[in-house]
Amino acid sequence: MSENVLSKNELKNMIKEAKERLDSAEILLKAHQYSDSISRSYYAILDIARIALIIKKIYPKSHSGTLSKFSYAYIEKGFVDKKYNKIIRQIEKDRLDADYRFSKKFSESDARYSSRFDSRAEADRLKVKILIKGGLHDRKPTN
């Protein structure tokens, strides 16, 4: 993908990948694979944040950069509800624990917390807000 231009096809592929991660998170949750479900949920969130930033021609180079820039560009500016900042940060922490702290055991409720953000309706509402014509940078804050 070119860093200067995002084609419609590239955008569609990124959205498809985010949806696939959501599907995987749901399957893993149902299979009681909570750590892996949390990890997939996190990457779906990262994909959605990255798409939103690319629409604004912001190209972060790291996970933390993506989440920080998304928080500033969309949450702090009032385009996306502030509740997502806390949810995203908790899921980021949980993902690190899930992937690197093998002794850490997650419960179904932990994984459901991650999927709270990633529920179909929630993700679709956020996607619609982000992907409206011209992107959110052309709109006034809603909060």
C-alpha atoms as a PDB file:
ATOM      1  CA  MET A   1       0.000   0.000   0.000  1.00  0.00           C
ATOM      2  CA  SER A   2       1.349   3.414  -0.932  1.00  0.00           C
ATOM      3  CA  GLU A   3       1.877   5.698   2.044  1.00  0.00           C
ATOM      4  CA  ASN A   4       0.451   8.661   0.124  1.00  0.00           C
ATOM      5  CA  VAL A   5      -2.652   7.190  -1.494  1.00  0.00           C
ATOM      6  CA  LEU A   6      -5.231   4.692  -0.306  1.00  0.00           C
ATOM      7  CA  SER A   7      -7.205   3.174  -3.152  1.00  0.00           C
ATOM      8  CA  LYS A   8     -10.786   2.035  -2.677  1.00  0.00           C
ATOM      9  CA  ASN A   9      -9.613  -1.526  -3.201  1.00  0.00           C
ATOM     10  CA  GLU A  10      -6.954  -1.223  -0.491  1.00  0.00           C
ATOM     11  CA  LEU A  11      -9.519   0.271   1.880  1.00  0.00           C
ATOM     12  CA  LYS A  12     -11.946  -2.579   1.151  1.00  0.00           C
ATOM     13  CA  ASN A  13      -9.196  -5.131   1.799  1.00  0.00           C
ATOM     14  CA  MET A  14      -8.310  -3.504   5.117  1.00  0.00           C
ATOM     15  CA  ILE A  15     -11.968  -3.484   6.191  1.00  0.00           C
ATOM     16  CA  LYS A  16     -12.292  -7.126   5.132  1.00  0.00           C
ATOM     17  CA  GLU A  17      -9.246  -8.038   7.213  1.00  0.00           C
ATOM     18  CA  ALA A  18     -10.670  -6.243  10.261  1.00  0.00           C
ATOM     19  CA  LYS A  19     -13.946  -8.141   9.837  1.00  0.00           C
ATOM     20  CA  GLU A  20     -12.049 -11.421   9.548  1.00  0.00           C
ATOM     21  CA  ARG A  21     -10.275 -10.665  12.814  1.00  0.00           C
ATOM     22  CA  LEU A  22     -13.662  -9.995  14.423  1.00  0.00           C
ATOM     23  CA  ASP A  23     -14.931 -13.322  13.101  1.00  0.00           C
ATOM     24  CA  SER A  24     -11.858 -15.075  14.478  1.00  0.00           C
ATOM     25  CA  ALA A  25     -12.281 -13.412  17.876  1.00  0.00           C
ATOM     26  CA  GLU A  26     -15.889 -14.618  18.053  1.00  0.00           C
ATOM     27  CA  ILE A  27     -14.946 -18.176  17.064  1.00  0.00           C
ATOM     28  CA  LEU A  28     -12.128 -18.256  19.611  1.00  0.00           C
ATOM     29  CA  LEU A  29     -14.399 -16.888  22.338  1.00  0.00           C
ATOM     30  CA  LYS A  30     -16.957 -19.636  21.666  1.00  0.00           C
ATOM     31  CA  ALA A  31     -14.136 -22.212  21.767  1.00  0.00           C
ATOM     32  CA  HIS A  32     -13.025 -20.902  25.209  1.00  0.00           C
ATOM     33  CA  GLN A  33      -9.701 -19.730  23.744  1.00  0.00           C
ATOM     34  CA  TYR A  34      -9.869 -16.453  25.641  1.00  0.00           C
ATOM     35  CA  SER A  35      -6.286 -15.227  25.263  1.00  0.00           C
ATOM     36  CA  ASP A  36      -6.375 -15.693  21.502  1.00  0.00           C
ATOM     37  CA  SER A  37      -9.825 -14.081  21.300  1.00  0.00           C
ATOM     38  CA  ILE A  38      -8.484 -11.017  23.121  1.00  0.00           C
ATOM     39  CA  SER A  39      -5.520 -10.848  20.745  1.00  0.00           C
ATOM     40  CA  ARG A  40      -7.734 -11.009  17.645  1.00  0.00           C
ATOM     41  CA  SER A  41     -10.063  -8.359  19.105  1.00  0.00           C
ATOM     42  CA  TYR A  42      -7.095  -6.073  19.676  1.00  0.00           C
ATOM     43  CA  TYR A  43      -5.890  -6.437  16.095  1.00  0.00           C
ATOM     44  CA  ALA A  44      -9.381  -5.695  14.777  1.00  0.00           C
ATOM     45  CA  ILE A  45      -9.355  -2.479  16.800  1.00  0.00           C
ATOM     46  CA  LEU A  46      -5.881  -1.661  15.508  1.00  0.00           C
ATOM     47  CA  ASP A  47      -7.076  -2.209  11.923  1.00  0.00           C
ATOM     48  CA  ILE A  48     -10.091   0.075  12.420  1.00  0.00           C
ATOM     49  CA  ALA A  49      -7.892   2.779  13.970  1.00  0.00           C
ATOM     50  CA  ARG A  50      -5.339   2.470  11.155  1.00  0.00           C
ATOM     51  CA  ILE A  51      -8.074   2.790   8.499  1.00  0.00           C
ATOM     52  CA  ALA A  52      -9.443   5.892  10.233  1.00  0.00           C
ATOM     53  CA  LEU A  53      -5.991   7.489  10.323  1.00  0.00           C
ATOM     54  CA  ILE A  54      -5.167   6.672   6.719  1.00  0.00           C
ATOM     55  CA  ILE A  55      -8.403   8.385   5.689  1.00  0.00           C
ATOM     56  CA  LYS A  56      -6.968  11.501   7.365  1.00  0.00           C
ATOM     57  CA  LYS A  57      -3.589  10.921   5.678  1.00  0.00           C
ATOM     58  CA  ILE A  58      -1.920  10.025   8.983  1.00  0.00           C
ATOM     59  CA  TYR A  59       0.493   7.082   8.713  1.00  0.00           C
ATOM     60  CA  PRO A  60       1.730   5.876  12.114  1.00  0.00           C
ATOM     61  CA  LYS A  61       4.548   3.354  12.167  1.00  0.00           C
ATOM     62  CA  SER A  62       3.749   1.410  15.357  1.00  0.00           C
ATOM     63  CA  HIS A  63       0.869  -0.002  17.363  1.00  0.00           C
ATOM     64  CA  SER A  64       1.268   2.590  20.104  1.00  0.00           C
ATOM     65  CA  GLY A  65       1.567   5.361  17.518  1.00  0.00           C
ATOM     66  CA  THR A  66      -1.609   4.172  15.815  1.00  0.00           C
ATOM     67  CA  LEU A  67      -3.600   4.100  19.041  1.00  0.00           C
ATOM     68  CA  SER A  68      -2.205   7.425  20.298  1.00  0.00           C
ATOM     69  CA  LYS A  69      -2.838   9.210  17.023  1.00  0.00           C
ATOM     70  CA  PHE A  70      -6.338   7.680  16.758  1.00  0.00           C
ATOM     71  CA  SER A  71      -7.086   8.834  20.287  1.00  0.00           C
ATOM     72  CA  TYR A  72      -5.939  12.368  19.493  1.00  0.00           C
ATOM     73  CA  ALA A  73      -7.468  12.658  16.007  1.00  0.00           C
ATOM     74  CA  TYR A  74     -10.831  11.056  16.752  1.00  0.00           C
ATOM     75  CA  ILE A  75     -11.513  10.653  20.471  1.00  0.00           C
ATOM     76  CA  GLU A  76      -9.973  13.793  21.975  1.00  0.00           C
ATOM     77  CA  LYS A  77     -11.381  15.905  19.147  1.00  0.00           C
ATOM     78  CA  GLY A  78     -14.877  14.563  19.864  1.00  0.00           C
ATOM     79  CA  PHE A  79     -15.545  12.557  16.707  1.00  0.00           C
ATOM     80  CA  VAL A  80     -15.672   9.248  18.590  1.00  0.00           C
ATOM     81  CA  ASP A  81     -17.085   8.769  22.100  1.00  0.00           C
ATOM     82  CA  LYS A  82     -14.489   9.130  24.879  1.00  0.00           C
ATOM     83  CA  LYS A  83     -15.506   5.757  26.352  1.00  0.00           C
ATOM     84  CA  TYR A  84     -13.471   4.094  23.603  1.00  0.00           C
ATOM     85  CA  ASN A  85     -10.210   5.508  24.940  1.00  0.00           C
ATOM     86  CA  LYS A  86     -10.489   3.482  28.158  1.00  0.00           C
ATOM     87  CA  ILE A  87     -11.722   0.377  26.329  1.00  0.00           C
ATOM     88  CA  ILE A  88      -8.927   0.525  23.746  1.00  0.00           C
ATOM     89  CA  ARG A  89      -6.220   1.008  26.395  1.00  0.00           C
ATOM     90  CA  GLN A  90      -7.522  -1.921  28.466  1.00  0.00           C
ATOM     91  CA  ILE A  91      -7.690  -4.198  25.438  1.00  0.00           C
ATOM     92  CA  GLU A  92      -4.154  -3.136  24.458  1.00  0.00           C
ATOM     93  CA  LYS A  93      -2.915  -4.116  27.940  1.00  0.00           C
ATOM     94  CA  ASP A  94      -4.867  -7.380  27.847  1.00  0.00           C
ATOM     95  CA  ARG A  95      -3.462  -8.227  24.410  1.00  0.00           C
ATOM     96  CA  LEU A  96       0.100  -7.801  25.635  1.00  0.00           C
ATOM     97  CA  ASP A  97      -0.650 -10.025  28.617  1.00  0.00           C
ATOM     98  CA  ALA A  98      -2.442 -12.568  26.416  1.00  0.00           C
ATOM     99  CA  ASP A  99       0.432 -12.792  23.949  1.00  0.00           C
ATOM    100  CA  TYR A 100       3.428 -12.550  26.298  1.00  0.00           C
ATOM    101  CA  ARG A 101       2.430 -13.515  29.865  1.00  0.00           C
ATOM    102  CA  PHE A 102       1.855 -17.212  29.523  1.00  0.00           C
ATOM    103  CA  SER A 103       0.990 -17.587  33.200  1.00  0.00           C
ATOM    104  CA  LYS A 104      -1.833 -15.047  32.869  1.00  0.00           C
ATOM    105  CA  LYS A 105      -5.187 -16.778  32.527  1.00  0.00           C
ATOM    106  CA  PHE A 106      -8.130 -14.930  31.054  1.00  0.00           C
ATOM    107  CA  SER A 107     -11.758 -15.648  31.745  1.00  0.00           C
ATOM    108  CA  GLU A 108     -14.754 -15.556  29.467  1.00  0.00           C
ATOM    109  CA  SER A 109     -15.713 -12.187  30.971  1.00  0.00           C
ATOM    110  CA  ASP A 110     -12.234 -10.812  30.145  1.00  0.00           C
ATOM    111  CA  ALA A 111     -12.657 -11.872  26.530  1.00  0.00           C
ATOM    112  CA  ARG A 112     -16.202 -10.501  26.465  1.00  0.00           C
ATOM    113  CA  TYR A 113     -14.842  -7.141  27.666  1.00  0.00           C
ATOM    114  CA  SER A 114     -12.621  -7.101  24.579  1.00  0.00           C
ATOM    115  CA  SER A 115     -15.485  -8.145  22.355  1.00  0.00           C
ATOM    116  CA  ARG A 116     -17.677  -5.404  23.862  1.00  0.00           C
ATOM    117  CA  PHE A 117     -15.889  -2.976  21.591  1.00  0.00           C
ATOM    118  CA  ASP A 118     -15.830  -5.464  18.760  1.00  0.00           C
ATOM    119  CA  SER A 119     -19.462  -6.461  18.722  1.00  0.00           C
ATOM    120  CA  ARG A 120     -20.848  -6.235  15.216  1.00  0.00           C
ATOM    121  CA  ALA A 121     -23.148  -3.319  16.008  1.00  0.00           C
ATOM    122  CA  GLU A 122     -20.432  -1.379  17.838  1.00  0.00           C
ATOM    123  CA  ALA A 123     -17.830  -1.915  15.119  1.00  0.00           C
ATOM    124  CA  ASP A 124     -20.329  -1.060  12.398  1.00  0.00           C
ATOM    125  CA  ARG A 125     -21.375   2.163  14.154  1.00  0.00           C
ATOM    126  CA  LEU A 126     -17.751   3.204  14.538  1.00  0.00           C
ATOM    127  CA  LYS A 127     -16.939   2.244  10.948  1.00  0.00           C
ATOM    128  CA  VAL A 128     -19.873   4.277   9.632  1.00  0.00           C
ATOM    129  CA  LYS A 129     -18.759   7.304  11.641  1.00  0.00           C
ATOM    130  CA  ILE A 130     -15.218   6.983  10.329  1.00  0.00           C
ATOM    131  CA  LEU A 131     -15.998   6.159   6.728  1.00  0.00           C
ATOM    132  CA  ILE A 132     -18.621   8.824   6.026  1.00  0.00           C
ATOM    133  CA  LYS A 133     -18.006  10.755   2.840  1.00  0.00           C
ATOM    134  CA  GLY A 134     -14.817  12.735   3.179  1.00  0.00           C
ATOM    135  CA  GLY A 135     -13.897  11.135   6.492  1.00  0.00           C
ATOM    136  CA  LEU A 136     -14.508  12.648   9.896  1.00  0.00           C
ATOM    137  CA  HIS A 137     -11.975  15.402   9.359  1.00  0.00           C
ATOM    138  CA  ASP A 138     -14.666  17.292   7.403  1.00  0.00           C
ATOM    139  CA  ARG A 139     -17.238  17.037  10.202  1.00  0.00           C
ATOM    140  CA  LYS A 140     -17.830  18.838  13.470  1.00  0.00           C
ATOM    141  CA  PRO A 141     -17.454  16.884  16.706  1.00  0.00           C
ATOM    142  CA  THR A 142     -20.576  15.086  17.949  1.00  0.00           C
ATOM    143  CA  ASN A 143     -19.868  15.202  21.713  1.00  0.00           C
END
